[in-house]
Amino acid sequence: MIRVIIADDHALLRDGLQTIINMQEGMEVVAVAENGQQAYDATATLKPDVILMDIQMPVMNGITCTKRIKQDFPNTAVIILTTFSDDEYIIDGLVNGASGFLLKNLPAAKIVEAIRDALKGHLMLPNEVAAKLSARLAYLSQSSSFALHNIPIHHEEIEFTEREKQVIILMIDGKTNREIAAILFISEGTVKNYITIVYQKIGTNDRTKAVLLLKDMLLDETS
């Protein structure tokens, strides 16, 4: 029996999916959740095989919930349901362990098929989502920021690792933490950790001041 949890803050969608899944042979919905925290708690208690996870939910969003579930319950497959084909969410979801994305307007049969495929280890990306991901990867591969290396940033006794230099250049370029995470294919939390280290090294915890100091260091080395 494939045991499924449905996490979505829209009752109509939850009820519809629950009815469809419970009608399938060898499948049952063991819980429904209207936010990410409820989904995580239900997963901890019930240990489902698959979770259908909405992105935009209160209390804890689907991306954060996916990350926590895959860290604590790695054998549970998470399929992200969304009305968005936004490449930012695609990268965030896949980096955090999702088994794939499904657009909510897919036919019921496709969703049922995706649940079975998730347990076989298949990565599921509808054509619209795959096209977005392909375009995003093409952009990243061509981006000079993505190919950063041997960046001459240091000042007196301050030295930075190569990854710190990459983060610094993207900070100087005005990128947000989320954008930096997507470009470097690391989590937003990891970006924050690198920025904290950079702040400690240059002696400030103000982003605006830090960017100005780092710009000066870069200009000193490249002038």
N, C-alpha and C. Protein backbone atom coordinates (compact mmCIF):
# COMPACT_ATOMS: atom_id res chain seq x y z
N MET A 1 0.85 -1.20 0.00
CA MET A 1 0.00 0.00 0.00
C MET A 1 0.88 1.25 0.00
N ILE A 2 0.64 2.16 -0.95
CA ILE A 2 1.38 3.43 -0.99
C ILE A 2 0.64 4.43 -0.10
N ARG A 3 1.33 4.91 0.90
CA ARG A 3 0.73 5.80 1.90
C ARG A 3 1.10 7.24 1.56
N VAL A 4 0.09 8.10 1.45
CA VAL A 4 0.29 9.45 0.92
C VAL A 4 -0.21 10.49 1.92
N ILE A 5 0.54 11.59 2.02
CA ILE A 5 0.08 12.78 2.74
C ILE A 5 -0.10 13.90 1.71
N ILE A 6 -1.18 14.64 1.84
CA ILE A 6 -1.45 15.78 0.97
C ILE A 6 -1.30 17.05 1.80
N ALA A 7 -0.43 17.96 1.38
CA ALA A 7 -0.22 19.22 2.08
C ALA A 7 -0.55 20.38 1.15
N ASP A 8 -1.64 21.05 1.42
CA ASP A 8 -2.06 22.19 0.61
C ASP A 8 -3.03 23.02 1.44
N ASP A 9 -2.93 24.35 1.32
CA ASP A 9 -3.79 25.19 2.16
C ASP A 9 -5.16 25.44 1.53
N HIS A 10 -5.43 24.84 0.37
CA HIS A 10 -6.75 24.97 -0.25
C HIS A 10 -7.54 23.68 -0.01
N ALA A 11 -8.61 23.80 0.74
CA ALA A 11 -9.40 22.62 1.13
C ALA A 11 -9.97 21.90 -0.09
N LEU A 12 -10.39 22.65 -1.10
CA LEU A 12 -10.99 22.03 -2.27
C LEU A 12 -10.00 21.12 -2.98
N LEU A 13 -8.77 21.59 -3.12
CA LEU A 13 -7.74 20.78 -3.77
C LEU A 13 -7.40 19.56 -2.91
N ARG A 14 -7.25 19.77 -1.61
CA ARG A 14 -6.96 18.64 -0.71
C ARG A 14 -8.02 17.57 -0.83
N ASP A 15 -9.28 17.99 -0.78
CA ASP A 15 -10.38 17.03 -0.82
C ASP A 15 -10.42 16.31 -2.16
N GLY A 16 -10.18 17.05 -3.24
CA GLY A 16 -10.21 16.44 -4.56
C GLY A 16 -9.12 15.41 -4.73
N LEU A 17 -7.90 15.75 -4.32
CA LEU A 17 -6.79 14.81 -4.42
C LEU A 17 -7.01 13.59 -3.52
N GLN A 18 -7.54 13.84 -2.34
CA GLN A 18 -7.79 12.73 -1.42
C GLN A 18 -8.78 11.74 -2.03
N THR A 19 -9.83 12.25 -2.64
CA THR A 19 -10.83 11.38 -3.26
C THR A 19 -10.22 10.58 -4.41
N ILE A 20 -9.42 11.26 -5.25
CA ILE A 20 -8.81 10.59 -6.40
C ILE A 20 -7.85 9.50 -5.94
N ILE A 21 -7.01 9.80 -4.98
CA ILE A 21 -6.00 8.84 -4.54
C ILE A 21 -6.63 7.65 -3.83
N ASN A 22 -7.62 7.92 -2.99
CA ASN A 22 -8.26 6.82 -2.25
C ASN A 22 -9.05 5.88 -3.16
N MET A 23 -9.33 6.33 -4.38
CA MET A 23 -10.02 5.47 -5.34
C MET A 23 -9.06 4.53 -6.07
N GLN A 24 -7.76 4.79 -5.92
CA GLN A 24 -6.77 3.98 -6.65
C GLN A 24 -6.44 2.71 -5.87
N GLU A 25 -6.25 1.65 -6.59
CA GLU A 25 -5.86 0.40 -5.95
C GLU A 25 -4.43 0.51 -5.44
N GLY A 26 -4.24 0.13 -4.18
CA GLY A 26 -2.90 0.15 -3.61
C GLY A 26 -2.42 1.49 -3.13
N MET A 27 -3.35 2.45 -2.98
CA MET A 27 -3.00 3.79 -2.48
C MET A 27 -3.98 4.22 -1.41
N GLU A 28 -3.49 4.99 -0.44
CA GLU A 28 -4.39 5.59 0.53
C GLU A 28 -3.78 6.88 1.06
N VAL A 29 -4.64 7.85 1.32
CA VAL A 29 -4.22 9.10 1.96
C VAL A 29 -4.29 8.90 3.46
N VAL A 30 -3.15 9.01 4.12
CA VAL A 30 -3.12 8.76 5.56
C VAL A 30 -3.27 10.04 6.37
N ALA A 31 -3.10 11.21 5.71
CA ALA A 31 -3.27 12.48 6.42
C ALA A 31 -3.32 13.61 5.40
N VAL A 32 -3.97 14.69 5.80
CA VAL A 32 -3.93 15.93 5.02
C VAL A 32 -3.43 17.04 5.93
N ALA A 33 -2.81 18.05 5.33
CA ALA A 33 -2.25 19.16 6.11
C ALA A 33 -2.50 20.46 5.37
N GLU A 34 -2.73 21.52 6.12
CA GLU A 34 -2.99 22.81 5.48
C GLU A 34 -1.81 23.77 5.60
N ASN A 35 -0.71 23.32 6.22
CA ASN A 35 0.51 24.12 6.25
C ASN A 35 1.71 23.19 6.40
N GLY A 36 2.90 23.75 6.20
CA GLY A 36 4.10 22.93 6.23
C GLY A 36 4.39 22.30 7.57
N GLN A 37 4.07 23.00 8.65
CA GLN A 37 4.33 22.44 9.97
C GLN A 37 3.48 21.20 10.22
N GLN A 38 2.21 21.29 9.83
CA GLN A 38 1.34 20.13 9.97
C GLN A 38 1.85 18.96 9.12
N ALA A 39 2.34 19.27 7.92
CA ALA A 39 2.86 18.22 7.04
C ALA A 39 4.07 17.54 7.66
N TYR A 40 4.96 18.35 8.24
CA TYR A 40 6.15 17.78 8.88
C TYR A 40 5.75 16.91 10.07
N ASP A 41 4.85 17.42 10.91
CA ASP A 41 4.43 16.66 12.09
C ASP A 41 3.75 15.34 11.69
N ALA A 42 2.92 15.39 10.65
CA ALA A 42 2.25 14.18 10.20
C ALA A 42 3.25 13.18 9.64
N THR A 43 4.27 13.68 8.96
CA THR A 43 5.32 12.81 8.42
C THR A 43 6.07 12.12 9.55
N ALA A 44 6.39 12.88 10.58
CA ALA A 44 7.13 12.32 11.72
C ALA A 44 6.33 11.22 12.40
N THR A 45 5.02 11.37 12.44
CA THR A 45 4.18 10.40 13.12
C THR A 45 3.83 9.20 12.24
N LEU A 46 3.53 9.46 10.97
CA LEU A 46 2.95 8.42 10.11
C LEU A 46 3.94 7.78 9.14
N LYS A 47 5.08 8.43 8.91
CA LYS A 47 6.11 7.90 7.99
C LYS A 47 5.49 7.48 6.63
N PRO A 48 4.93 8.43 5.89
CA PRO A 48 4.32 8.10 4.61
C PRO A 48 5.37 7.77 3.55
N ASP A 49 4.90 7.20 2.46
CA ASP A 49 5.80 6.92 1.33
C ASP A 49 6.01 8.16 0.47
N VAL A 50 4.92 8.91 0.28
CA VAL A 50 4.94 10.06 -0.63
C VAL A 50 4.18 11.22 -0.01
N ILE A 51 4.68 12.43 -0.24
CA ILE A 51 3.95 13.64 0.15
C ILE A 51 3.73 14.49 -1.09
N LEU A 52 2.48 14.91 -1.29
CA LEU A 52 2.18 15.92 -2.31
C LEU A 52 2.21 17.26 -1.61
N MET A 53 3.15 18.12 -2.00
CA MET A 53 3.48 19.31 -1.22
C MET A 53 3.25 20.59 -2.01
N ASP A 54 2.36 21.42 -1.51
CA ASP A 54 2.17 22.75 -2.09
C ASP A 54 3.36 23.63 -1.71
N ILE A 55 3.64 24.65 -2.52
CA ILE A 55 4.73 25.58 -2.20
C ILE A 55 4.25 26.67 -1.26
N GLN A 56 3.20 27.37 -1.67
CA GLN A 56 2.75 28.55 -0.93
C GLN A 56 1.77 28.13 0.17
N MET A 57 2.30 27.98 1.39
CA MET A 57 1.46 27.62 2.53
C MET A 57 1.86 28.47 3.73
N PRO A 58 0.92 28.71 4.64
CA PRO A 58 1.25 29.47 5.85
C PRO A 58 2.08 28.65 6.83
N VAL A 59 2.59 29.33 7.84
CA VAL A 59 3.37 28.76 8.95
C VAL A 59 4.75 28.28 8.47
N MET A 60 4.77 27.34 7.54
CA MET A 60 6.02 26.86 6.94
C MET A 60 5.74 26.56 5.47
N ASN A 61 6.49 27.16 4.56
CA ASN A 61 6.22 26.92 3.15
C ASN A 61 6.70 25.54 2.70
N GLY A 62 6.30 25.16 1.49
CA GLY A 62 6.59 23.82 1.01
C GLY A 62 8.06 23.53 0.79
N ILE A 63 8.84 24.54 0.41
CA ILE A 63 10.27 24.33 0.17
C ILE A 63 10.99 24.05 1.49
N THR A 64 10.70 24.86 2.50
CA THR A 64 11.31 24.64 3.81
C THR A 64 10.89 23.31 4.39
N CYS A 65 9.62 22.98 4.24
CA CYS A 65 9.12 21.70 4.76
C CYS A 65 9.78 20.53 4.04
N THR A 66 9.94 20.64 2.73
CA THR A 66 10.61 19.59 1.96
C THR A 66 12.03 19.38 2.48
N LYS A 67 12.73 20.47 2.69
CA LYS A 67 14.10 20.37 3.19
C LYS A 67 14.16 19.64 4.52
N ARG A 68 13.27 20.00 5.45
CA ARG A 68 13.27 19.37 6.77
C ARG A 68 12.91 17.89 6.69
N ILE A 69 11.92 17.59 5.86
CA ILE A 69 11.49 16.20 5.74
C ILE A 69 12.59 15.33 5.13
N LYS A 70 13.25 15.83 4.09
CA LYS A 70 14.30 15.04 3.44
C LYS A 70 15.53 14.88 4.34
N GLN A 71 15.74 15.84 5.23
CA GLN A 71 16.84 15.71 6.19
C GLN A 71 16.52 14.65 7.24
N ASP A 72 15.28 14.67 7.73
CA ASP A 72 14.91 13.79 8.85
C ASP A 72 14.30 12.46 8.42
N PHE A 73 13.68 12.46 7.24
CA PHE A 73 13.03 11.24 6.75
C PHE A 73 13.38 11.04 5.27
N PRO A 74 14.62 10.73 4.98
CA PRO A 74 15.10 10.72 3.59
C PRO A 74 14.41 9.72 2.68
N ASN A 75 13.76 8.70 3.25
CA ASN A 75 13.09 7.70 2.42
C ASN A 75 11.71 8.14 1.95
N THR A 76 11.23 9.26 2.46
CA THR A 76 9.93 9.79 2.03
C THR A 76 10.11 10.63 0.77
N ALA A 77 9.38 10.28 -0.27
CA ALA A 77 9.44 11.05 -1.51
C ALA A 77 8.52 12.26 -1.42
N VAL A 78 9.00 13.41 -1.90
CA VAL A 78 8.20 14.63 -1.88
C VAL A 78 8.00 15.11 -3.31
N ILE A 79 6.75 15.24 -3.71
CA ILE A 79 6.40 15.80 -5.01
C ILE A 79 5.78 17.17 -4.77
N ILE A 80 6.35 18.18 -5.37
CA ILE A 80 5.87 19.53 -5.15
C ILE A 80 4.77 19.87 -6.14
N LEU A 81 3.62 20.26 -5.62
CA LEU A 81 2.49 20.70 -6.43
C LEU A 81 2.50 22.22 -6.50
N THR A 82 2.35 22.75 -7.68
CA THR A 82 2.39 24.20 -7.78
C THR A 82 1.62 24.70 -8.99
N THR A 83 1.14 25.92 -8.90
CA THR A 83 0.57 26.59 -10.06
C THR A 83 1.65 27.43 -10.74
N PHE A 84 2.84 27.45 -10.14
CA PHE A 84 3.94 28.27 -10.66
C PHE A 84 4.95 27.40 -11.38
N SER A 85 5.44 27.87 -12.53
CA SER A 85 6.56 27.20 -13.20
C SER A 85 7.80 28.06 -13.06
N ASP A 86 7.90 28.73 -11.93
CA ASP A 86 9.00 29.66 -11.66
C ASP A 86 10.29 28.88 -11.43
N ASP A 87 11.35 29.23 -12.18
CA ASP A 87 12.61 28.51 -12.09
C ASP A 87 13.24 28.61 -10.71
N GLU A 88 12.97 29.70 -10.00
CA GLU A 88 13.53 29.86 -8.65
C GLU A 88 13.01 28.77 -7.73
N TYR A 89 11.73 28.48 -7.80
CA TYR A 89 11.15 27.42 -6.98
C TYR A 89 11.64 26.05 -7.42
N ILE A 90 11.82 25.88 -8.73
CA ILE A 90 12.29 24.59 -9.24
C ILE A 90 13.65 24.26 -8.63
N ILE A 91 14.58 25.19 -8.71
CA ILE A 91 15.93 24.96 -8.18
C ILE A 91 15.88 24.74 -6.68
N ASP A 92 15.13 25.59 -5.97
CA ASP A 92 15.03 25.43 -4.52
C ASP A 92 14.48 24.06 -4.16
N GLY A 93 13.44 23.65 -4.84
CA GLY A 93 12.82 22.36 -4.53
C GLY A 93 13.74 21.20 -4.81
N LEU A 94 14.39 21.20 -5.97
CA LEU A 94 15.25 20.09 -6.33
C LEU A 94 16.50 20.03 -5.45
N VAL A 95 17.08 21.19 -5.15
CA VAL A 95 18.24 21.22 -4.28
C VAL A 95 17.91 20.65 -2.91
N ASN A 96 16.69 20.88 -2.46
CA ASN A 96 16.29 20.42 -1.13
C ASN A 96 15.67 19.03 -1.13
N GLY A 97 15.79 18.31 -2.24
CA GLY A 97 15.45 16.89 -2.22
C GLY A 97 14.13 16.47 -2.81
N ALA A 98 13.40 17.39 -3.45
CA ALA A 98 12.11 17.01 -4.04
C ALA A 98 12.31 16.00 -5.16
N SER A 99 11.35 15.11 -5.32
CA SER A 99 11.40 14.11 -6.39
C SER A 99 10.88 14.67 -7.71
N GLY A 100 10.38 15.88 -7.69
CA GLY A 100 9.91 16.48 -8.92
C GLY A 100 8.81 17.49 -8.66
N PHE A 101 8.37 18.12 -9.73
CA PHE A 101 7.31 19.12 -9.69
C PHE A 101 6.13 18.65 -10.52
N LEU A 102 4.93 18.97 -10.06
CA LEU A 102 3.72 18.73 -10.83
C LEU A 102 2.87 19.99 -10.80
N LEU A 103 2.45 20.44 -11.97
CA LEU A 103 1.54 21.58 -12.01
C LEU A 103 0.14 21.12 -11.61
N LYS A 104 -0.56 21.96 -10.88
CA LYS A 104 -1.85 21.56 -10.32
C LYS A 104 -2.93 21.34 -11.38
N ASN A 105 -2.69 21.82 -12.59
CA ASN A 105 -3.70 21.63 -13.63
C ASN A 105 -3.52 20.33 -14.41
N LEU A 106 -2.60 19.47 -13.95
CA LEU A 106 -2.42 18.18 -14.60
C LEU A 106 -3.64 17.28 -14.39
N PRO A 107 -3.93 16.41 -15.33
CA PRO A 107 -5.03 15.45 -15.14
C PRO A 107 -4.76 14.54 -13.94
N ALA A 108 -5.83 14.07 -13.33
CA ALA A 108 -5.71 13.21 -12.14
C ALA A 108 -4.84 11.99 -12.42
N ALA A 109 -4.99 11.41 -13.61
CA ALA A 109 -4.22 10.21 -13.94
C ALA A 109 -2.72 10.47 -13.91
N LYS A 110 -2.32 11.67 -14.33
CA LYS A 110 -0.89 12.01 -14.33
C LYS A 110 -0.36 12.13 -12.90
N ILE A 111 -1.17 12.69 -12.02
CA ILE A 111 -0.75 12.83 -10.63
C ILE A 111 -0.60 11.45 -9.98
N VAL A 112 -1.55 10.56 -10.25
CA VAL A 112 -1.47 9.19 -9.72
C VAL A 112 -0.23 8.49 -10.26
N GLU A 113 0.03 8.67 -11.54
CA GLU A 113 1.20 8.06 -12.17
C GLU A 113 2.49 8.60 -11.53
N ALA A 114 2.49 9.90 -11.25
CA ALA A 114 3.67 10.53 -10.64
C ALA A 114 3.95 9.96 -9.26
N ILE A 115 2.91 9.66 -8.50
CA ILE A 115 3.10 9.08 -7.17
C ILE A 115 3.81 7.73 -7.28
N ARG A 116 3.38 6.92 -8.22
CA ARG A 116 4.02 5.61 -8.41
C ARG A 116 5.46 5.78 -8.91
N ASP A 117 5.66 6.72 -9.82
CA ASP A 117 7.00 6.94 -10.36
C ASP A 117 7.97 7.46 -9.29
N ALA A 118 7.46 8.27 -8.36
CA ALA A 118 8.32 8.82 -7.31
C ALA A 118 8.95 7.71 -6.48
N LEU A 119 8.18 6.66 -6.23
CA LEU A 119 8.70 5.55 -5.44
C LEU A 119 9.72 4.72 -6.22
N LYS A 120 9.75 4.90 -7.54
CA LYS A 120 10.74 4.20 -8.37
C LYS A 120 12.01 5.04 -8.55
N GLY A 121 12.00 6.23 -7.94
CA GLY A 121 13.18 7.08 -8.04
C GLY A 121 13.21 7.96 -9.27
N HIS A 122 12.08 8.06 -9.98
CA HIS A 122 12.03 8.88 -11.19
C HIS A 122 11.90 10.36 -10.84
N LEU A 123 12.58 11.21 -11.61
CA LEU A 123 12.46 12.65 -11.44
C LEU A 123 11.38 13.15 -12.37
N MET A 124 10.39 13.84 -11.81
CA MET A 124 9.23 14.26 -12.59
C MET A 124 9.22 15.76 -12.83
N LEU A 125 9.29 16.14 -14.10
CA LEU A 125 9.23 17.55 -14.47
C LEU A 125 8.33 17.69 -15.69
N PRO A 126 7.17 18.30 -15.54
CA PRO A 126 6.32 18.57 -16.70
C PRO A 126 7.08 19.40 -17.73
N ASN A 127 6.65 19.38 -18.97
CA ASN A 127 7.37 20.07 -20.02
C ASN A 127 7.59 21.55 -19.72
N GLU A 128 6.55 22.20 -19.16
CA GLU A 128 6.68 23.64 -18.86
C GLU A 128 7.77 23.88 -17.82
N VAL A 129 7.81 23.00 -16.81
CA VAL A 129 8.80 23.14 -15.75
C VAL A 129 10.20 22.80 -16.27
N ALA A 130 10.30 21.73 -17.06
CA ALA A 130 11.60 21.34 -17.61
C ALA A 130 12.17 22.43 -18.49
N ALA A 131 11.32 23.11 -19.25
CA ALA A 131 11.79 24.19 -20.11
C ALA A 131 12.34 25.34 -19.27
N LYS A 132 11.65 25.65 -18.19
CA LYS A 132 12.13 26.71 -17.29
C LYS A 132 13.48 26.34 -16.68
N LEU A 133 13.60 25.10 -16.23
CA LEU A 133 14.84 24.65 -15.62
C LEU A 133 15.98 24.69 -16.63
N SER A 134 15.72 24.24 -17.85
CA SER A 134 16.74 24.24 -18.89
C SER A 134 17.22 25.65 -19.18
N ALA A 135 16.28 26.59 -19.26
CA ALA A 135 16.64 27.98 -19.52
C ALA A 135 17.47 28.55 -18.38
N ARG A 136 17.09 28.19 -17.16
CA ARG A 136 17.81 28.69 -15.99
C ARG A 136 19.24 28.15 -15.96
N LEU A 137 19.41 26.87 -16.25
CA LEU A 137 20.74 26.27 -16.24
C LEU A 137 21.61 26.86 -17.35
N ALA A 138 20.99 27.13 -18.50
CA ALA A 138 21.73 27.75 -19.60
C ALA A 138 22.23 29.13 -19.20
N TYR A 139 21.35 29.88 -18.53
CA TYR A 139 21.74 31.20 -18.07
C TYR A 139 22.90 31.13 -17.08
N LEU A 140 22.81 30.19 -16.15
CA LEU A 140 23.84 30.07 -15.13
C LEU A 140 25.18 29.65 -15.74
N SER A 141 25.13 28.76 -16.72
CA SER A 141 26.37 28.28 -17.32
C SER A 141 27.08 29.38 -18.10
N GLN A 142 26.30 30.36 -18.59
CA GLN A 142 26.88 31.45 -19.36
C GLN A 142 27.23 32.66 -18.49
N SER A 143 26.78 32.63 -17.26
CA SER A 143 26.97 33.79 -16.38
C SER A 143 28.40 33.86 -15.88
N SER A 144 28.99 35.02 -15.99
CA SER A 144 30.34 35.18 -15.48
C SER A 144 30.37 35.02 -13.97
N SER A 145 29.27 35.39 -13.32
CA SER A 145 29.21 35.23 -11.87
C SER A 145 29.26 33.76 -11.48
N PHE A 146 28.64 32.91 -12.30
CA PHE A 146 28.59 31.49 -11.98
C PHE A 146 29.95 30.83 -12.14
N ALA A 147 30.80 31.39 -13.01
CA ALA A 147 32.10 30.80 -13.31
C ALA A 147 33.24 31.51 -12.60
N LEU A 148 32.95 32.10 -11.45
CA LEU A 148 33.95 32.86 -10.73
C LEU A 148 35.10 31.97 -10.25
N HIS A 149 36.31 32.42 -10.43
CA HIS A 149 37.46 31.71 -9.88
C HIS A 149 38.65 32.65 -9.88
N ASN A 150 39.58 32.40 -8.99
CA ASN A 150 40.80 33.21 -8.88
C ASN A 150 40.49 34.70 -8.78
N ILE A 151 39.50 35.04 -7.98
CA ILE A 151 39.11 36.44 -7.83
C ILE A 151 40.06 37.13 -6.85
N PRO A 152 40.70 38.20 -7.25
CA PRO A 152 41.72 38.83 -6.40
C PRO A 152 41.13 39.74 -5.34
N ILE A 153 40.51 39.16 -4.32
CA ILE A 153 39.94 39.97 -3.24
C ILE A 153 40.67 39.64 -1.94
N HIS A 154 41.47 40.54 -1.48
CA HIS A 154 42.02 40.44 -0.13
C HIS A 154 42.56 41.81 0.26
N HIS A 155 42.81 41.98 1.51
CA HIS A 155 43.27 43.28 1.99
C HIS A 155 44.12 43.06 3.25
N GLU A 156 45.38 43.41 3.13
CA GLU A 156 46.32 43.24 4.23
C GLU A 156 46.27 41.80 4.75
N GLU A 157 45.78 41.60 5.97
CA GLU A 157 45.79 40.26 6.56
C GLU A 157 44.49 39.47 6.30
N ILE A 158 43.58 40.07 5.56
CA ILE A 158 42.30 39.40 5.32
C ILE A 158 42.39 38.53 4.08
N GLU A 159 42.07 37.26 4.24
CA GLU A 159 42.04 36.33 3.11
C GLU A 159 40.67 35.65 3.05
N PHE A 160 40.20 35.42 1.85
CA PHE A 160 38.90 34.78 1.67
C PHE A 160 39.08 33.48 0.90
N THR A 161 38.23 32.50 1.22
CA THR A 161 38.22 31.25 0.45
C THR A 161 37.60 31.54 -0.92
N GLU A 162 37.74 30.60 -1.86
CA GLU A 162 37.18 30.80 -3.19
C GLU A 162 35.66 30.93 -3.13
N ARG A 163 35.02 30.14 -2.29
CA ARG A 163 33.56 30.22 -2.19
C ARG A 163 33.15 31.55 -1.58
N GLU A 164 33.87 32.02 -0.58
CA GLU A 164 33.58 33.34 -0.01
C GLU A 164 33.73 34.42 -1.06
N LYS A 165 34.73 34.29 -1.92
CA LYS A 165 34.93 35.28 -2.99
C LYS A 165 33.75 35.28 -3.95
N GLN A 166 33.24 34.11 -4.26
CA GLN A 166 32.09 34.02 -5.15
C GLN A 166 30.88 34.72 -4.54
N VAL A 167 30.66 34.47 -3.26
CA VAL A 167 29.55 35.11 -2.56
C VAL A 167 29.75 36.62 -2.54
N ILE A 168 30.98 37.07 -2.30
CA ILE A 168 31.29 38.50 -2.24
C ILE A 168 30.97 39.19 -3.56
N ILE A 169 31.42 38.59 -4.68
CA ILE A 169 31.17 39.19 -5.98
C ILE A 169 29.68 39.33 -6.25
N LEU A 170 28.92 38.33 -5.86
CA LEU A 170 27.48 38.39 -6.07
C LEU A 170 26.81 39.40 -5.14
N MET A 171 27.34 39.54 -3.93
CA MET A 171 26.85 40.60 -3.04
C MET A 171 27.10 41.97 -3.67
N ILE A 172 28.32 42.17 -4.17
CA ILE A 172 28.67 43.44 -4.81
C ILE A 172 27.77 43.71 -6.01
N ASP A 173 27.39 42.63 -6.69
CA ASP A 173 26.53 42.74 -7.88
C ASP A 173 25.08 43.01 -7.50
N GLY A 174 24.79 43.08 -6.20
CA GLY A 174 23.45 43.42 -5.75
C GLY A 174 22.49 42.26 -5.64
N LYS A 175 23.01 41.04 -5.69
CA LYS A 175 22.14 39.87 -5.61
C LYS A 175 21.66 39.65 -4.17
N THR A 176 20.43 39.19 -4.04
CA THR A 176 19.89 38.82 -2.73
C THR A 176 20.46 37.47 -2.31
N ASN A 177 20.27 37.11 -1.04
CA ASN A 177 20.73 35.81 -0.57
C ASN A 177 20.09 34.67 -1.36
N ARG A 178 18.81 34.80 -1.67
CA ARG A 178 18.11 33.76 -2.43
C ARG A 178 18.71 33.64 -3.83
N GLU A 179 19.00 34.77 -4.46
CA GLU A 179 19.58 34.75 -5.80
C GLU A 179 20.99 34.14 -5.78
N ILE A 180 21.76 34.49 -4.76
CA ILE A 180 23.10 33.92 -4.62
C ILE A 180 23.02 32.41 -4.47
N ALA A 181 22.08 31.96 -3.66
CA ALA A 181 21.91 30.52 -3.44
C ALA A 181 21.58 29.80 -4.74
N ALA A 182 20.69 30.39 -5.54
CA ALA A 182 20.31 29.77 -6.81
C ALA A 182 21.48 29.73 -7.79
N ILE A 183 22.25 30.81 -7.86
CA ILE A 183 23.37 30.88 -8.80
C ILE A 183 24.47 29.89 -8.43
N LEU A 184 24.74 29.74 -7.14
CA LEU A 184 25.82 28.87 -6.69
C LEU A 184 25.35 27.46 -6.35
N PHE A 185 24.04 27.21 -6.48
CA PHE A 185 23.46 25.90 -6.17
C PHE A 185 23.78 25.47 -4.74
N ILE A 186 23.60 26.38 -3.79
CA ILE A 186 23.71 26.08 -2.37
C ILE A 186 22.46 26.61 -1.69
N SER A 187 22.23 26.22 -0.45
CA SER A 187 21.03 26.66 0.24
C SER A 187 21.17 28.11 0.69
N GLU A 188 20.03 28.74 0.91
CA GLU A 188 20.04 30.13 1.38
C GLU A 188 20.69 30.22 2.76
N GLY A 189 20.49 29.20 3.59
CA GLY A 189 21.13 29.18 4.90
C GLY A 189 22.64 29.14 4.79
N THR A 190 23.15 28.39 3.83
CA THR A 190 24.60 28.32 3.62
C THR A 190 25.13 29.68 3.17
N VAL A 191 24.38 30.36 2.31
CA VAL A 191 24.77 31.71 1.89
C VAL A 191 24.88 32.62 3.11
N LYS A 192 23.89 32.56 3.99
CA LYS A 192 23.91 33.41 5.19
C LYS A 192 25.13 33.10 6.04
N ASN A 193 25.51 31.83 6.13
CA ASN A 193 26.69 31.46 6.91
C ASN A 193 27.96 32.06 6.31
N TYR A 194 28.07 32.00 4.99
CA TYR A 194 29.25 32.58 4.33
C TYR A 194 29.30 34.09 4.55
N ILE A 195 28.14 34.74 4.44
CA ILE A 195 28.10 36.19 4.62
C ILE A 195 28.48 36.57 6.05
N THR A 196 28.03 35.78 7.02
CA THR A 196 28.41 36.03 8.41
C THR A 196 29.92 35.95 8.59
N ILE A 197 30.55 34.96 7.96
CA ILE A 197 32.00 34.82 8.04
C ILE A 197 32.69 36.02 7.40
N VAL A 198 32.17 36.45 6.25
CA VAL A 198 32.73 37.63 5.57
C VAL A 198 32.61 38.86 6.47
N TYR A 199 31.45 39.03 7.09
CA TYR A 199 31.26 40.16 8.00
C TYR A 199 32.30 40.13 9.12
N GLN A 200 32.53 38.96 9.68
CA GLN A 200 33.50 38.83 10.78
C GLN A 200 34.90 39.21 10.32
N LYS A 201 35.23 38.82 9.10
CA LYS A 201 36.58 39.09 8.59
C LYS A 201 36.82 40.57 8.32
N ILE A 202 35.77 41.28 7.89
CA ILE A 202 35.97 42.70 7.55
C ILE A 202 35.50 43.64 8.65
N GLY A 203 34.90 43.09 9.71
CA GLY A 203 34.59 43.88 10.89
C GLY A 203 33.32 44.70 10.82
N THR A 204 32.31 44.20 10.14
CA THR A 204 31.02 44.88 10.13
C THR A 204 29.92 43.85 9.93
N ASN A 205 28.72 44.15 10.42
CA ASN A 205 27.58 43.27 10.17
C ASN A 205 26.48 44.01 9.43
N ASP A 206 26.85 45.14 8.81
CA ASP A 206 25.92 45.93 8.01
C ASP A 206 26.20 45.64 6.53
N ARG A 207 25.19 45.17 5.83
CA ARG A 207 25.41 44.73 4.44
C ARG A 207 25.86 45.89 3.55
N THR A 208 25.25 47.06 3.70
CA THR A 208 25.63 48.20 2.86
C THR A 208 27.09 48.58 3.08
N LYS A 209 27.50 48.67 4.34
CA LYS A 209 28.89 48.99 4.65
C LYS A 209 29.83 47.90 4.15
N ALA A 210 29.39 46.65 4.32
CA ALA A 210 30.22 45.53 3.87
C ALA A 210 30.45 45.59 2.37
N VAL A 211 29.40 45.86 1.61
CA VAL A 211 29.54 45.92 0.15
C VAL A 211 30.49 47.04 -0.25
N LEU A 212 30.41 48.18 0.41
CA LEU A 212 31.32 49.28 0.09
C LEU A 212 32.77 48.91 0.38
N LEU A 213 33.00 48.27 1.53
CA LEU A 213 34.36 47.84 1.87
C LEU A 213 34.88 46.80 0.88
N LEU A 214 34.03 45.89 0.52
CA LEU A 214 34.44 44.82 -0.40
C LEU A 214 34.69 45.37 -1.80
N LYS A 215 33.91 46.36 -2.20
CA LYS A 215 34.16 47.01 -3.49
C LYS A 215 35.53 47.67 -3.50
N ASP A 216 35.87 48.33 -2.40
CA ASP A 216 37.19 48.97 -2.29
C ASP A 216 38.30 47.94 -2.40
N MET A 217 38.13 46.81 -1.74
CA MET A 217 39.15 45.74 -1.80
C MET A 217 39.32 45.24 -3.23
N LEU A 218 38.19 45.06 -3.92
CA LEU A 218 38.24 44.56 -5.28
C LEU A 218 38.90 45.59 -6.20
N LEU A 219 38.54 46.84 -6.02
CA LEU A 219 39.13 47.88 -6.86
C LEU A 219 40.63 48.02 -6.61
N ASP A 220 41.04 47.89 -5.34
CA ASP A 220 42.46 47.98 -5.01
C ASP A 220 43.26 46.90 -5.74
N GLU A 221 42.67 45.70 -5.85
CA GLU A 221 43.38 44.57 -6.45
C GLU A 221 43.35 44.60 -7.97
N THR A 222 42.33 45.25 -8.55
CA THR A 222 42.19 45.20 -10.00
C THR A 222 42.66 46.50 -10.66
N SER A 223 42.99 47.50 -9.87
CA SER A 223 43.38 48.80 -10.44
C SER A 223 44.86 48.78 -10.81
